[in-house]
Amino acid sequence: MKKVLRMCVVCREMRDRNDLIRVVKTPDGKIEIDNSQKRDGRGAYICKSRECLEKLNKNRAFNRAFKTTAPDEIYQSLINLKEN
C-alpha cells in the first residue's frame, strides 16, 4: 500500500499522513481538529512532535494555511495534546 505524505505546517517536513494531526477548515468556515482525517474542507497538518506543537502557537501557522484567523481554542487544544 502506498504511503500518503503530507507536509507539517510548522517544520515543513513531509511525513506519513498517519503521523500527523489534521486540522480542517470546513466549507462553512469553521476550523476544527479532524480526528477522522476524512472531513470535507481544506486540511492542514502538524506533526505530533513536541517541538512542532511548542512552535505552533508562536508562529500561528494555521492562520497562514487557512488565510484567516484560526480561533485560539484550536491552538490551545493542540497544546493540551502536547501535555498529555
N, C-alpha and C. Protein backbone atom coordinates (compact mmCIF):
# COMPACT_ATOMS: atom_id res chain seq x y z
N MET A 1 0.83 -1.18 0.00
CA MET A 1 0.00 0.00 0.00
C MET A 1 0.88 1.25 0.00
N LYS A 2 0.53 2.22 -0.80
CA LYS A 2 1.31 3.43 -0.96
C LYS A 2 1.10 4.37 0.23
N LYS A 3 2.19 4.93 0.76
CA LYS A 3 2.10 5.89 1.85
C LYS A 3 1.60 7.22 1.30
N VAL A 4 0.74 7.86 2.08
CA VAL A 4 0.24 9.18 1.72
C VAL A 4 1.01 10.19 2.55
N LEU A 5 1.77 11.06 1.88
CA LEU A 5 2.60 12.04 2.57
C LEU A 5 1.93 13.40 2.58
N ARG A 6 2.09 14.09 3.70
CA ARG A 6 1.59 15.45 3.85
C ARG A 6 2.68 16.27 4.54
N MET A 7 2.62 17.59 4.40
CA MET A 7 3.63 18.46 4.96
C MET A 7 3.14 19.11 6.25
N CYS A 8 3.98 19.09 7.26
CA CYS A 8 3.69 19.77 8.53
C CYS A 8 3.76 21.28 8.30
N VAL A 9 2.77 22.03 8.80
CA VAL A 9 2.75 23.48 8.60
C VAL A 9 3.81 24.21 9.43
N VAL A 10 4.41 23.53 10.39
CA VAL A 10 5.41 24.17 11.24
C VAL A 10 6.83 23.87 10.74
N CYS A 11 7.21 22.58 10.70
CA CYS A 11 8.58 22.24 10.32
C CYS A 11 8.75 22.02 8.82
N ARG A 12 7.64 21.93 8.09
CA ARG A 12 7.62 21.78 6.63
C ARG A 12 8.20 20.45 6.16
N GLU A 13 8.27 19.45 7.04
CA GLU A 13 8.75 18.13 6.65
C GLU A 13 7.60 17.29 6.12
N MET A 14 7.91 16.48 5.12
CA MET A 14 6.93 15.56 4.58
C MET A 14 6.90 14.32 5.46
N ARG A 15 5.70 13.93 5.87
CA ARG A 15 5.54 12.77 6.74
C ARG A 15 4.32 11.98 6.31
N ASP A 16 4.26 10.74 6.77
CA ASP A 16 3.09 9.91 6.54
C ASP A 16 1.88 10.58 7.20
N ARG A 17 0.77 10.59 6.51
CA ARG A 17 -0.44 11.25 7.00
C ARG A 17 -0.86 10.73 8.37
N ASN A 18 -0.61 9.46 8.64
CA ASN A 18 -1.00 8.88 9.92
C ASN A 18 -0.16 9.37 11.09
N ASP A 19 0.98 10.00 10.80
CA ASP A 19 1.85 10.53 11.84
C ASP A 19 1.58 12.00 12.14
N LEU A 20 0.55 12.55 11.53
CA LEU A 20 0.24 13.97 11.66
C LEU A 20 -1.17 14.17 12.24
N ILE A 21 -1.40 15.36 12.77
CA ILE A 21 -2.72 15.76 13.24
C ILE A 21 -3.30 16.65 12.15
N ARG A 22 -4.53 16.38 11.73
CA ARG A 22 -5.17 17.19 10.69
C ARG A 22 -6.12 18.19 11.32
N VAL A 23 -6.01 19.42 10.87
CA VAL A 23 -6.94 20.48 11.24
C VAL A 23 -7.60 20.90 9.95
N VAL A 24 -8.92 21.07 9.97
CA VAL A 24 -9.66 21.34 8.75
C VAL A 24 -10.47 22.63 8.88
N LYS A 25 -10.52 23.36 7.77
CA LYS A 25 -11.43 24.49 7.65
C LYS A 25 -12.60 24.00 6.81
N THR A 26 -13.75 23.85 7.45
CA THR A 26 -14.92 23.29 6.79
C THR A 26 -15.47 24.27 5.75
N PRO A 27 -16.32 23.79 4.83
CA PRO A 27 -16.89 24.68 3.82
C PRO A 27 -17.64 25.88 4.41
N ASP A 28 -18.16 25.75 5.63
CA ASP A 28 -18.85 26.88 6.26
C ASP A 28 -17.91 27.80 7.04
N GLY A 29 -16.58 27.54 6.96
CA GLY A 29 -15.58 28.42 7.54
C GLY A 29 -15.16 28.10 8.96
N LYS A 30 -15.67 27.04 9.54
CA LYS A 30 -15.32 26.65 10.90
C LYS A 30 -14.00 25.86 10.88
N ILE A 31 -13.12 26.13 11.83
CA ILE A 31 -11.83 25.44 11.91
C ILE A 31 -11.87 24.48 13.09
N GLU A 32 -11.57 23.19 12.80
CA GLU A 32 -11.68 22.15 13.81
C GLU A 32 -10.56 21.12 13.65
N ILE A 33 -10.27 20.40 14.74
CA ILE A 33 -9.36 19.26 14.66
C ILE A 33 -10.13 18.11 14.05
N ASP A 34 -9.54 17.46 13.05
CA ASP A 34 -10.21 16.37 12.33
C ASP A 34 -9.56 15.04 12.69
N ASN A 35 -10.09 14.38 13.70
CA ASN A 35 -9.53 13.11 14.14
C ASN A 35 -9.74 11.99 13.12
N SER A 36 -10.80 12.08 12.32
CA SER A 36 -11.08 11.05 11.32
C SER A 36 -10.21 11.20 10.08
N GLN A 37 -9.65 12.37 9.86
CA GLN A 37 -8.86 12.73 8.67
C GLN A 37 -9.66 12.56 7.38
N LYS A 38 -10.97 12.68 7.46
CA LYS A 38 -11.80 12.50 6.27
C LYS A 38 -12.84 13.59 6.08
N ARG A 39 -12.87 14.59 6.94
CA ARG A 39 -13.90 15.63 6.84
C ARG A 39 -13.69 16.48 5.60
N ASP A 40 -14.78 16.99 5.07
CA ASP A 40 -14.71 17.89 3.92
C ASP A 40 -14.08 19.21 4.33
N GLY A 41 -13.33 19.78 3.43
CA GLY A 41 -12.76 21.09 3.66
C GLY A 41 -11.26 21.12 3.42
N ARG A 42 -10.68 22.27 3.64
CA ARG A 42 -9.25 22.50 3.45
C ARG A 42 -8.51 21.99 4.67
N GLY A 43 -7.58 21.08 4.48
CA GLY A 43 -6.84 20.49 5.60
C GLY A 43 -5.45 21.05 5.72
N ALA A 44 -4.98 21.11 6.94
CA ALA A 44 -3.59 21.47 7.23
C ALA A 44 -3.12 20.49 8.30
N TYR A 45 -1.86 20.15 8.26
CA TYR A 45 -1.33 19.10 9.13
C TYR A 45 -0.22 19.62 10.00
N ILE A 46 -0.10 19.02 11.20
CA ILE A 46 1.00 19.34 12.10
C ILE A 46 1.53 18.04 12.69
N CYS A 47 2.85 17.99 12.86
CA CYS A 47 3.49 16.81 13.47
C CYS A 47 2.99 16.64 14.90
N LYS A 48 3.08 15.44 15.37
CA LYS A 48 2.74 15.16 16.77
C LYS A 48 3.95 15.40 17.68
N SER A 49 5.04 15.89 17.10
CA SER A 49 6.27 16.09 17.89
C SER A 49 6.11 17.27 18.85
N ARG A 50 6.78 17.16 19.96
CA ARG A 50 6.73 18.21 20.99
C ARG A 50 7.23 19.54 20.43
N GLU A 51 8.29 19.50 19.61
CA GLU A 51 8.88 20.73 19.07
C GLU A 51 7.88 21.50 18.20
N CYS A 52 7.20 20.80 17.32
CA CYS A 52 6.24 21.47 16.44
C CYS A 52 5.05 22.00 17.21
N LEU A 53 4.56 21.25 18.18
CA LEU A 53 3.44 21.71 18.98
C LEU A 53 3.81 22.92 19.82
N GLU A 54 5.08 22.99 20.28
CA GLU A 54 5.52 24.16 21.03
C GLU A 54 5.64 25.40 20.15
N LYS A 55 6.09 25.22 18.91
CA LYS A 55 6.27 26.35 17.99
C LYS A 55 4.96 26.82 17.37
N LEU A 56 3.95 25.98 17.39
CA LEU A 56 2.69 26.27 16.70
C LEU A 56 2.06 27.58 17.14
N ASN A 57 1.93 27.79 18.43
CA ASN A 57 1.27 28.99 18.93
C ASN A 57 2.06 30.25 18.58
N LYS A 58 3.38 30.14 18.61
CA LYS A 58 4.25 31.29 18.32
C LYS A 58 4.10 31.75 16.87
N ASN A 59 4.13 30.81 15.93
CA ASN A 59 4.12 31.24 14.53
C ASN A 59 2.73 31.24 13.88
N ARG A 60 1.71 30.83 14.64
CA ARG A 60 0.32 30.89 14.16
C ARG A 60 0.18 30.32 12.74
N ALA A 61 0.72 29.14 12.55
CA ALA A 61 0.81 28.52 11.22
C ALA A 61 -0.55 28.28 10.57
N PHE A 62 -1.58 28.00 11.35
CA PHE A 62 -2.89 27.75 10.75
C PHE A 62 -3.49 29.03 10.16
N ASN A 63 -3.14 30.18 10.71
CA ASN A 63 -3.61 31.44 10.12
C ASN A 63 -3.10 31.56 8.68
N ARG A 64 -1.85 31.20 8.47
CA ARG A 64 -1.29 31.23 7.11
C ARG A 64 -1.93 30.18 6.22
N ALA A 65 -2.05 28.97 6.74
CA ALA A 65 -2.55 27.86 5.93
C ALA A 65 -3.99 28.09 5.48
N PHE A 66 -4.80 28.67 6.35
CA PHE A 66 -6.22 28.86 6.01
C PHE A 66 -6.54 30.28 5.55
N LYS A 67 -5.54 31.16 5.55
CA LYS A 67 -5.72 32.56 5.13
C LYS A 67 -6.85 33.24 5.89
N THR A 68 -6.92 32.94 7.17
CA THR A 68 -7.88 33.55 8.08
C THR A 68 -7.33 33.37 9.50
N THR A 69 -7.97 33.97 10.46
CA THR A 69 -7.53 33.84 11.84
C THR A 69 -8.15 32.60 12.47
N ALA A 70 -7.30 31.65 12.83
CA ALA A 70 -7.78 30.45 13.49
C ALA A 70 -8.08 30.77 14.95
N PRO A 71 -9.16 30.21 15.50
CA PRO A 71 -9.50 30.53 16.89
C PRO A 71 -8.44 30.01 17.87
N ASP A 72 -8.28 30.73 18.96
CA ASP A 72 -7.31 30.36 19.98
C ASP A 72 -7.61 28.97 20.55
N GLU A 73 -8.87 28.55 20.53
CA GLU A 73 -9.24 27.24 21.07
C GLU A 73 -8.52 26.11 20.32
N ILE A 74 -8.32 26.27 19.03
CA ILE A 74 -7.63 25.24 18.24
C ILE A 74 -6.19 25.12 18.72
N TYR A 75 -5.52 26.26 18.84
CA TYR A 75 -4.13 26.24 19.30
C TYR A 75 -4.05 25.67 20.71
N GLN A 76 -4.98 26.06 21.58
CA GLN A 76 -4.96 25.56 22.96
C GLN A 76 -5.22 24.07 23.01
N SER A 77 -6.13 23.57 22.19
CA SER A 77 -6.41 22.12 22.15
C SER A 77 -5.17 21.33 21.74
N LEU A 78 -4.44 21.84 20.77
CA LEU A 78 -3.23 21.16 20.33
C LEU A 78 -2.11 21.26 21.37
N ILE A 79 -2.03 22.37 22.07
CA ILE A 79 -1.04 22.49 23.15
C ILE A 79 -1.37 21.51 24.26
N ASN A 80 -2.66 21.32 24.54
CA ASN A 80 -3.08 20.36 25.56
C ASN A 80 -2.71 18.93 25.14
N LEU A 81 -2.74 18.63 23.86
CA LEU A 81 -2.32 17.30 23.39
C LEU A 81 -0.86 17.07 23.72
N LYS A 82 -0.05 18.10 23.58
CA LYS A 82 1.38 18.01 23.88
C LYS A 82 1.60 17.65 25.33
N GLU A 83 0.77 18.19 26.22
CA GLU A 83 0.96 17.99 27.65
C GLU A 83 0.50 16.61 28.10
N ASN A 84 -0.29 15.93 27.30
CA ASN A 84 -0.79 14.59 27.67
C ASN A 84 0.15 13.50 27.27
